[in-house]
Amino acid sequence: MVTSLREIPLRTLSDEPTTLAELAGDKVVLLVNVASKCGLTPQYTGLVELQQNYGPRGFTVIGVPCNQFMGQEPGTAEEIAEFCSVTYGVDFPLLEKIEVNGENRHPLYRELTQVADAEGEAGDIQWNFEKFLIGRDGAVTRFRPRTEPKDAAITEAIDAAL
């Protein structure tokens, strides 16, 4: 899965073509579908802290804006970039706004939603801030939206992947 996930065509928030391989190289990646107007939006603080703490060790967060959950990411790319930068000091990469569920689900999420969470459940993204840790070896670990970025389950998984 490592090659296929890391090679799926993506676009950055500034509309540049890329892939996870180009954005992250061989770093451990925490991919998160994000939204600016969600009750879970304060999780950006923890994501920025993870980036600061683990980034020097070969880790990156990548945010994936999505407006599929009650329209909680309605902004343009410019508005999303400004909100993330000004409000939370986001310095990790952000991708273009995509769909993570349904008929128009992005190919990246077609692959990721096949991964089961800790309870053994795969399938649709439940809400904003669902997280996927992608190891250098291609192993994927799924964390549901209410699992905070600094939760021990996530930090221990990052440590193990690094």
N, C-alpha and C. Protein backbone atom coordinates (compact mmCIF):
# COMPACT_ATOMS: atom_id res chain seq x y z
N MET A 1 0.82 -1.20 0.00
CA MET A 1 0.00 0.00 0.00
C MET A 1 0.86 1.26 0.00
N VAL A 2 2.10 1.18 0.49
CA VAL A 2 2.93 2.38 0.62
C VAL A 2 3.11 3.08 -0.72
N THR A 3 3.40 2.36 -1.78
CA THR A 3 3.61 3.00 -3.07
C THR A 3 2.31 3.59 -3.57
N SER A 4 1.23 2.85 -3.50
CA SER A 4 -0.02 3.35 -4.05
C SER A 4 -0.50 4.59 -3.30
N LEU A 5 -0.49 4.58 -1.99
CA LEU A 5 -0.92 5.76 -1.23
C LEU A 5 -0.03 6.96 -1.49
N ARG A 6 1.25 6.74 -1.47
CA ARG A 6 2.20 7.86 -1.62
C ARG A 6 2.27 8.39 -3.05
N GLU A 7 1.71 7.65 -4.01
CA GLU A 7 1.78 8.08 -5.40
C GLU A 7 0.44 8.57 -5.96
N ILE A 8 -0.63 8.53 -5.18
CA ILE A 8 -1.93 9.00 -5.65
C ILE A 8 -1.84 10.50 -5.95
N PRO A 9 -2.26 10.93 -7.13
CA PRO A 9 -2.20 12.35 -7.47
C PRO A 9 -3.08 13.19 -6.53
N LEU A 10 -2.48 14.26 -6.03
CA LEU A 10 -3.15 15.19 -5.12
C LEU A 10 -2.90 16.61 -5.63
N ARG A 11 -3.57 17.56 -5.00
CA ARG A 11 -3.31 18.97 -5.28
C ARG A 11 -3.18 19.68 -3.94
N THR A 12 -2.24 20.61 -3.88
CA THR A 12 -2.06 21.40 -2.67
C THR A 12 -3.19 22.42 -2.57
N LEU A 13 -3.28 23.07 -1.42
CA LEU A 13 -4.29 24.10 -1.22
C LEU A 13 -4.08 25.25 -2.21
N SER A 14 -2.85 25.45 -2.63
CA SER A 14 -2.56 26.50 -3.63
C SER A 14 -2.66 25.96 -5.06
N ASP A 15 -3.30 24.80 -5.22
CA ASP A 15 -3.64 24.20 -6.51
C ASP A 15 -2.44 23.72 -7.31
N GLU A 16 -1.40 23.29 -6.63
CA GLU A 16 -0.23 22.71 -7.30
C GLU A 16 -0.34 21.19 -7.27
N PRO A 17 -0.01 20.50 -8.36
CA PRO A 17 -0.05 19.04 -8.34
C PRO A 17 1.04 18.49 -7.42
N THR A 18 0.70 17.42 -6.71
CA THR A 18 1.66 16.80 -5.80
C THR A 18 1.22 15.37 -5.50
N THR A 19 1.98 14.71 -4.65
CA THR A 19 1.64 13.40 -4.09
C THR A 19 2.12 13.41 -2.65
N LEU A 20 1.72 12.42 -1.88
CA LEU A 20 2.26 12.31 -0.52
C LEU A 20 3.77 12.11 -0.58
N ALA A 21 4.25 11.38 -1.58
CA ALA A 21 5.70 11.17 -1.71
C ALA A 21 6.42 12.49 -1.91
N GLU A 22 5.86 13.37 -2.74
CA GLU A 22 6.49 14.67 -2.97
C GLU A 22 6.39 15.57 -1.75
N LEU A 23 5.24 15.57 -1.09
CA LEU A 23 5.03 16.43 0.07
C LEU A 23 5.83 15.98 1.29
N ALA A 24 5.90 14.67 1.48
CA ALA A 24 6.44 14.16 2.74
C ALA A 24 7.69 13.30 2.58
N GLY A 25 8.06 12.95 1.36
CA GLY A 25 9.20 12.07 1.18
C GLY A 25 8.94 10.76 1.89
N ASP A 26 9.90 10.33 2.72
CA ASP A 26 9.70 9.09 3.46
C ASP A 26 9.30 9.36 4.91
N LYS A 27 8.78 10.56 5.18
CA LYS A 27 8.35 10.90 6.54
C LYS A 27 7.12 10.08 6.95
N VAL A 28 6.96 9.93 8.24
CA VAL A 28 5.73 9.40 8.80
C VAL A 28 4.70 10.52 8.69
N VAL A 29 3.50 10.21 8.21
CA VAL A 29 2.48 11.21 7.92
C VAL A 29 1.24 10.98 8.79
N LEU A 30 0.73 12.06 9.38
CA LEU A 30 -0.59 12.03 10.01
C LEU A 30 -1.51 12.84 9.10
N LEU A 31 -2.37 12.15 8.36
CA LEU A 31 -3.29 12.78 7.42
C LEU A 31 -4.61 13.01 8.14
N VAL A 32 -5.12 14.24 8.09
CA VAL A 32 -6.31 14.61 8.86
C VAL A 32 -7.26 15.42 8.00
N ASN A 33 -8.54 14.99 7.90
CA ASN A 33 -9.52 15.83 7.21
C ASN A 33 -9.96 16.91 8.20
N VAL A 34 -9.79 18.16 7.77
CA VAL A 34 -9.95 19.31 8.67
C VAL A 34 -11.09 20.21 8.23
N ALA A 35 -11.54 21.05 9.17
CA ALA A 35 -12.60 22.03 8.90
C ALA A 35 -12.42 23.21 9.85
N SER A 36 -12.76 24.39 9.37
CA SER A 36 -12.54 25.62 10.13
C SER A 36 -13.68 25.99 11.07
N LYS A 37 -14.86 25.43 10.86
CA LYS A 37 -16.03 25.84 11.64
C LYS A 37 -16.68 24.67 12.36
N CYS A 38 -15.87 23.81 12.91
CA CYS A 38 -16.32 22.58 13.56
C CYS A 38 -16.04 22.67 15.05
N GLY A 39 -16.82 21.98 15.85
CA GLY A 39 -16.54 21.92 17.27
C GLY A 39 -15.19 21.28 17.58
N LEU A 40 -14.67 20.52 16.62
CA LEU A 40 -13.36 19.87 16.81
C LEU A 40 -12.21 20.71 16.24
N THR A 41 -12.50 21.86 15.66
CA THR A 41 -11.47 22.71 15.06
C THR A 41 -10.33 23.03 16.02
N PRO A 42 -10.57 23.20 17.33
CA PRO A 42 -9.44 23.43 18.24
C PRO A 42 -8.38 22.33 18.22
N GLN A 43 -8.67 21.18 17.60
CA GLN A 43 -7.65 20.14 17.46
C GLN A 43 -6.47 20.62 16.63
N TYR A 44 -6.66 21.70 15.86
CA TYR A 44 -5.52 22.27 15.13
C TYR A 44 -4.37 22.57 16.07
N THR A 45 -4.66 23.02 17.29
CA THR A 45 -3.60 23.33 18.26
C THR A 45 -2.73 22.10 18.51
N GLY A 46 -3.36 20.97 18.77
CA GLY A 46 -2.63 19.73 19.01
C GLY A 46 -1.89 19.25 17.77
N LEU A 47 -2.47 19.46 16.59
CA LEU A 47 -1.80 19.05 15.36
C LEU A 47 -0.54 19.88 15.14
N VAL A 48 -0.61 21.19 15.41
CA VAL A 48 0.56 22.06 15.29
C VAL A 48 1.64 21.62 16.28
N GLU A 49 1.23 21.27 17.50
CA GLU A 49 2.20 20.80 18.50
C GLU A 49 2.85 19.49 18.07
N LEU A 50 2.08 18.57 17.50
CA LEU A 50 2.67 17.33 16.99
C LEU A 50 3.70 17.64 15.91
N GLN A 51 3.36 18.57 15.02
CA GLN A 51 4.29 18.95 13.95
C GLN A 51 5.58 19.51 14.54
N GLN A 52 5.45 20.37 15.53
CA GLN A 52 6.63 20.98 16.15
C GLN A 52 7.47 19.93 16.90
N ASN A 53 6.80 19.05 17.63
CA ASN A 53 7.52 18.08 18.45
C ASN A 53 8.15 16.94 17.66
N TYR A 54 7.45 16.46 16.64
CA TYR A 54 7.91 15.28 15.90
C TYR A 54 8.50 15.61 14.54
N GLY A 55 8.24 16.80 14.01
CA GLY A 55 8.73 17.17 12.69
C GLY A 55 10.22 16.94 12.50
N PRO A 56 11.06 17.37 13.46
CA PRO A 56 12.50 17.18 13.30
C PRO A 56 12.93 15.70 13.25
N ARG A 57 12.06 14.80 13.66
CA ARG A 57 12.38 13.38 13.67
C ARG A 57 11.90 12.65 12.42
N GLY A 58 11.34 13.39 11.45
CA GLY A 58 10.88 12.74 10.23
C GLY A 58 9.39 12.50 10.18
N PHE A 59 8.62 13.46 10.64
CA PHE A 59 7.16 13.36 10.74
C PHE A 59 6.53 14.62 10.16
N THR A 60 5.35 14.48 9.58
CA THR A 60 4.58 15.66 9.20
C THR A 60 3.09 15.39 9.30
N VAL A 61 2.37 16.42 9.68
CA VAL A 61 0.91 16.43 9.59
C VAL A 61 0.58 16.95 8.19
N ILE A 62 -0.46 16.42 7.59
CA ILE A 62 -0.99 16.98 6.34
C ILE A 62 -2.50 17.14 6.53
N GLY A 63 -2.97 18.37 6.37
CA GLY A 63 -4.39 18.66 6.52
C GLY A 63 -5.12 18.57 5.19
N VAL A 64 -6.32 18.01 5.25
CA VAL A 64 -7.14 17.84 4.05
C VAL A 64 -8.51 18.48 4.31
N PRO A 65 -8.68 19.74 3.90
CA PRO A 65 -9.98 20.38 4.10
C PRO A 65 -11.12 19.62 3.42
N CYS A 66 -12.25 19.57 4.11
CA CYS A 66 -13.42 18.87 3.60
C CYS A 66 -14.67 19.60 4.08
N ASN A 67 -15.63 19.80 3.18
CA ASN A 67 -16.85 20.52 3.51
C ASN A 67 -18.07 19.60 3.55
N GLN A 68 -17.86 18.30 3.71
CA GLN A 68 -18.96 17.35 3.64
C GLN A 68 -19.74 17.19 4.94
N PHE A 69 -19.26 17.73 6.02
CA PHE A 69 -19.91 17.52 7.31
C PHE A 69 -20.55 18.82 7.76
N MET A 70 -21.84 18.97 7.41
CA MET A 70 -22.64 20.14 7.77
C MET A 70 -22.02 21.46 7.29
N GLY A 71 -21.31 21.42 6.16
CA GLY A 71 -20.77 22.64 5.57
C GLY A 71 -19.80 23.38 6.46
N GLN A 72 -18.99 22.64 7.23
CA GLN A 72 -18.12 23.27 8.22
C GLN A 72 -16.77 23.72 7.68
N GLU A 73 -16.55 23.58 6.36
CA GLU A 73 -15.36 24.13 5.71
C GLU A 73 -15.80 24.82 4.42
N PRO A 74 -16.55 25.94 4.56
CA PRO A 74 -17.12 26.59 3.38
C PRO A 74 -16.16 27.50 2.62
N GLY A 75 -15.03 27.82 3.18
CA GLY A 75 -14.15 28.84 2.62
C GLY A 75 -13.46 28.46 1.34
N THR A 76 -12.92 29.50 0.69
CA THR A 76 -12.07 29.31 -0.47
C THR A 76 -10.70 28.84 0.02
N ALA A 77 -9.86 28.44 -0.91
CA ALA A 77 -8.51 28.02 -0.54
C ALA A 77 -7.78 29.13 0.20
N GLU A 78 -7.92 30.36 -0.27
CA GLU A 78 -7.26 31.50 0.37
C GLU A 78 -7.78 31.72 1.79
N GLU A 79 -9.10 31.62 1.96
CA GLU A 79 -9.69 31.80 3.29
C GLU A 79 -9.25 30.69 4.25
N ILE A 80 -9.18 29.47 3.76
CA ILE A 80 -8.74 28.35 4.59
C ILE A 80 -7.29 28.56 5.01
N ALA A 81 -6.43 28.92 4.06
CA ALA A 81 -5.01 29.14 4.36
C ALA A 81 -4.84 30.25 5.39
N GLU A 82 -5.57 31.35 5.21
CA GLU A 82 -5.45 32.47 6.15
C GLU A 82 -5.95 32.08 7.54
N PHE A 83 -7.11 31.42 7.61
CA PHE A 83 -7.65 30.99 8.90
C PHE A 83 -6.65 30.10 9.63
N CYS A 84 -6.13 29.11 8.94
CA CYS A 84 -5.21 28.15 9.57
C CYS A 84 -3.94 28.84 10.05
N SER A 85 -3.40 29.71 9.24
CA SER A 85 -2.16 30.40 9.58
C SER A 85 -2.35 31.40 10.71
N VAL A 86 -3.35 32.25 10.58
CA VAL A 86 -3.56 33.33 11.56
C VAL A 86 -4.11 32.79 12.89
N THR A 87 -5.08 31.90 12.83
CA THR A 87 -5.74 31.43 14.05
C THR A 87 -4.93 30.39 14.80
N TYR A 88 -4.28 29.48 14.07
CA TYR A 88 -3.60 28.36 14.73
C TYR A 88 -2.11 28.26 14.43
N GLY A 89 -1.59 29.10 13.58
CA GLY A 89 -0.16 29.03 13.25
C GLY A 89 0.20 27.76 12.51
N VAL A 90 -0.71 27.26 11.71
CA VAL A 90 -0.47 26.02 10.96
C VAL A 90 0.71 26.23 10.01
N ASP A 91 1.69 25.34 10.13
CA ASP A 91 2.84 25.39 9.24
C ASP A 91 3.07 24.05 8.54
N PHE A 92 2.10 23.16 8.64
CA PHE A 92 2.20 21.90 7.92
C PHE A 92 1.42 22.02 6.61
N PRO A 93 1.67 21.13 5.66
CA PRO A 93 1.01 21.22 4.36
C PRO A 93 -0.50 21.01 4.45
N LEU A 94 -1.20 21.74 3.59
CA LEU A 94 -2.65 21.58 3.43
C LEU A 94 -2.93 21.24 1.98
N LEU A 95 -3.82 20.29 1.77
CA LEU A 95 -4.22 19.91 0.42
C LEU A 95 -5.48 20.67 0.02
N GLU A 96 -5.87 20.51 -1.25
CA GLU A 96 -7.10 21.14 -1.72
C GLU A 96 -8.30 20.54 -0.98
N LYS A 97 -9.39 21.27 -0.97
CA LYS A 97 -10.62 20.78 -0.37
C LYS A 97 -11.16 19.64 -1.23
N ILE A 98 -11.43 18.49 -0.60
CA ILE A 98 -11.90 17.31 -1.33
C ILE A 98 -13.08 16.67 -0.62
N GLU A 99 -13.65 15.67 -1.26
CA GLU A 99 -14.68 14.84 -0.64
C GLU A 99 -14.04 13.56 -0.14
N VAL A 100 -14.38 13.20 1.10
CA VAL A 100 -13.80 12.01 1.72
C VAL A 100 -14.79 10.84 1.76
N ASN A 101 -16.05 11.10 1.48
CA ASN A 101 -17.10 10.08 1.46
C ASN A 101 -17.92 10.23 0.19
N GLY A 102 -18.69 9.20 -0.10
CA GLY A 102 -19.67 9.27 -1.18
C GLY A 102 -19.11 8.98 -2.56
N GLU A 103 -19.96 9.22 -3.54
CA GLU A 103 -19.67 8.90 -4.93
C GLU A 103 -18.43 9.62 -5.46
N ASN A 104 -18.20 10.84 -4.99
CA ASN A 104 -17.07 11.64 -5.45
C ASN A 104 -15.88 11.60 -4.48
N ARG A 105 -15.84 10.57 -3.66
CA ARG A 105 -14.73 10.39 -2.71
C ARG A 105 -13.40 10.41 -3.47
N HIS A 106 -12.45 11.16 -2.94
CA HIS A 106 -11.12 11.24 -3.56
C HIS A 106 -10.45 9.86 -3.52
N PRO A 107 -9.67 9.51 -4.55
CA PRO A 107 -9.00 8.20 -4.58
C PRO A 107 -8.16 7.92 -3.33
N LEU A 108 -7.55 8.94 -2.74
CA LEU A 108 -6.78 8.74 -1.51
C LEU A 108 -7.67 8.18 -0.41
N TYR A 109 -8.86 8.74 -0.28
CA TYR A 109 -9.78 8.29 0.75
C TYR A 109 -10.49 6.99 0.37
N ARG A 110 -10.54 6.66 -0.91
CA ARG A 110 -11.04 5.33 -1.29
C ARG A 110 -10.16 4.26 -0.68
N GLU A 111 -8.85 4.53 -0.67
CA GLU A 111 -7.89 3.58 -0.07
C GLU A 111 -7.95 3.64 1.46
N LEU A 112 -7.90 4.84 2.00
CA LEU A 112 -7.82 4.98 3.46
C LEU A 112 -9.05 4.44 4.18
N THR A 113 -10.24 4.61 3.60
CA THR A 113 -11.45 4.16 4.29
C THR A 113 -11.57 2.64 4.34
N GLN A 114 -10.68 1.94 3.67
CA GLN A 114 -10.64 0.48 3.78
C GLN A 114 -9.93 0.03 5.06
N VAL A 115 -9.22 0.96 5.70
CA VAL A 115 -8.47 0.66 6.92
C VAL A 115 -9.42 0.69 8.12
N ALA A 116 -9.34 -0.32 8.95
CA ALA A 116 -10.19 -0.39 10.14
C ALA A 116 -9.57 0.40 11.29
N ASP A 117 -10.43 0.90 12.17
CA ASP A 117 -9.98 1.58 13.38
C ASP A 117 -9.67 0.57 14.47
N ALA A 118 -9.42 1.03 15.68
CA ALA A 118 -9.05 0.15 16.80
C ALA A 118 -10.15 -0.86 17.14
N GLU A 119 -11.41 -0.52 16.82
CA GLU A 119 -12.53 -1.42 17.09
C GLU A 119 -12.80 -2.36 15.92
N GLY A 120 -11.98 -2.27 14.87
CA GLY A 120 -12.14 -3.15 13.73
C GLY A 120 -13.12 -2.65 12.69
N GLU A 121 -13.53 -1.38 12.78
CA GLU A 121 -14.50 -0.82 11.84
C GLU A 121 -13.80 -0.01 10.75
N ALA A 122 -14.05 -0.36 9.51
CA ALA A 122 -13.58 0.41 8.36
C ALA A 122 -14.77 1.19 7.82
N GLY A 123 -14.62 1.77 6.65
CA GLY A 123 -15.75 2.45 6.02
C GLY A 123 -15.64 3.96 6.10
N ASP A 124 -16.78 4.61 5.87
CA ASP A 124 -16.83 6.05 5.75
C ASP A 124 -16.15 6.81 6.88
N ILE A 125 -15.67 7.99 6.53
CA ILE A 125 -15.15 8.94 7.52
C ILE A 125 -16.34 9.39 8.35
N GLN A 126 -16.20 9.38 9.67
CA GLN A 126 -17.32 9.71 10.54
C GLN A 126 -17.59 11.21 10.64
N TRP A 127 -16.52 12.01 10.65
CA TRP A 127 -16.68 13.45 10.86
C TRP A 127 -15.35 14.12 10.56
N ASN A 128 -15.30 15.42 10.73
CA ASN A 128 -14.05 16.15 10.59
C ASN A 128 -13.03 15.66 11.61
N PHE A 129 -11.77 15.76 11.26
CA PHE A 129 -10.64 15.45 12.13
C PHE A 129 -10.44 13.95 12.38
N GLU A 130 -10.87 13.13 11.42
CA GLU A 130 -10.49 11.72 11.44
C GLU A 130 -9.03 11.66 10.97
N LYS A 131 -8.24 10.80 11.62
CA LYS A 131 -6.80 10.80 11.40
C LYS A 131 -6.30 9.44 10.92
N PHE A 132 -5.31 9.49 10.01
CA PHE A 132 -4.66 8.29 9.50
C PHE A 132 -3.16 8.48 9.63
N LEU A 133 -2.53 7.63 10.41
CA LEU A 133 -1.07 7.64 10.53
C LEU A 133 -0.51 6.68 9.50
N ILE A 134 0.33 7.21 8.61
CA ILE A 134 0.92 6.41 7.54
C ILE A 134 2.40 6.29 7.81
N GLY A 135 2.84 5.06 8.12
CA GLY A 135 4.24 4.82 8.44
C GLY A 135 5.10 4.77 7.20
N ARG A 136 6.40 4.83 7.40
CA ARG A 136 7.34 4.73 6.29
C ARG A 136 7.17 3.41 5.53
N ASP A 137 6.74 2.40 6.26
CA ASP A 137 6.57 1.07 5.67
C ASP A 137 5.20 0.90 5.01
N GLY A 138 4.39 1.95 5.03
CA GLY A 138 3.07 1.90 4.42
C GLY A 138 1.96 1.46 5.35
N ALA A 139 2.32 1.06 6.58
CA ALA A 139 1.29 0.67 7.54
C ALA A 139 0.43 1.88 7.89
N VAL A 140 -0.89 1.67 7.94
CA VAL A 140 -1.82 2.76 8.23
C VAL A 140 -2.58 2.43 9.51
N THR A 141 -2.64 3.41 10.41
CA THR A 141 -3.41 3.29 11.64
C THR A 141 -4.46 4.39 11.63
N ARG A 142 -5.70 4.02 11.94
CA ARG A 142 -6.82 4.95 11.86
C ARG A 142 -7.27 5.37 13.25
N PHE A 143 -7.49 6.67 13.41
CA PHE A 143 -7.99 7.24 14.66
C PHE A 143 -9.23 8.06 14.36
N ARG A 144 -10.28 7.81 15.11
CA ARG A 144 -11.54 8.49 14.88
C ARG A 144 -11.47 9.96 15.33
N PRO A 145 -12.44 10.79 14.90
CA PRO A 145 -12.37 12.24 15.09
C PRO A 145 -12.18 12.72 16.53
N ARG A 146 -12.79 12.07 17.49
CA ARG A 146 -12.70 12.56 18.87
C ARG A 146 -11.39 12.19 19.57
N THR A 147 -10.55 11.40 18.91
CA THR A 147 -9.24 11.10 19.47
C THR A 147 -8.37 12.33 19.27
N GLU A 148 -8.03 12.98 20.36
CA GLU A 148 -7.25 14.22 20.31
C GLU A 148 -5.85 13.95 19.77
N PRO A 149 -5.27 14.93 19.07
CA PRO A 149 -3.93 14.73 18.51
C PRO A 149 -2.88 14.31 19.54
N LYS A 150 -2.99 14.79 20.77
CA LYS A 150 -1.98 14.45 21.78
C LYS A 150 -2.37 13.25 22.64
N ASP A 151 -3.43 12.54 22.24
CA ASP A 151 -3.84 11.32 22.93
C ASP A 151 -2.69 10.32 22.89
N ALA A 152 -2.52 9.56 23.95
CA ALA A 152 -1.42 8.59 24.03
C ALA A 152 -1.46 7.58 22.88
N ALA A 153 -2.64 7.21 22.43
CA ALA A 153 -2.73 6.25 21.33
C ALA A 153 -2.04 6.80 20.08
N ILE A 154 -2.19 8.09 19.83
CA ILE A 154 -1.58 8.69 18.66
C ILE A 154 -0.08 8.91 18.88
N THR A 155 0.30 9.49 20.00
CA THR A 155 1.71 9.77 20.21
C THR A 155 2.53 8.48 20.31
N GLU A 156 1.97 7.45 20.91
CA GLU A 156 2.69 6.17 20.97
C GLU A 156 2.83 5.56 19.57
N ALA A 157 1.79 5.70 18.74
CA ALA A 157 1.86 5.17 17.38
C ALA A 157 2.90 5.96 16.56
N ILE A 158 2.96 7.27 16.76
CA ILE A 158 3.96 8.09 16.06
C ILE A 158 5.36 7.66 16.49
N ASP A 159 5.57 7.55 17.81
CA ASP A 159 6.88 7.12 18.31
C ASP A 159 7.28 5.78 17.71
N ALA A 160 6.35 4.84 17.67
CA ALA A 160 6.66 3.51 17.14
C ALA A 160 6.98 3.58 15.64
N ALA A 161 6.30 4.45 14.91
CA ALA A 161 6.53 4.56 13.47
C ALA A 161 7.84 5.26 13.15
N LEU A 162 8.27 6.11 14.07
CA LEU A 162 9.55 6.82 13.83
C LEU A 162 10.72 5.92 14.18
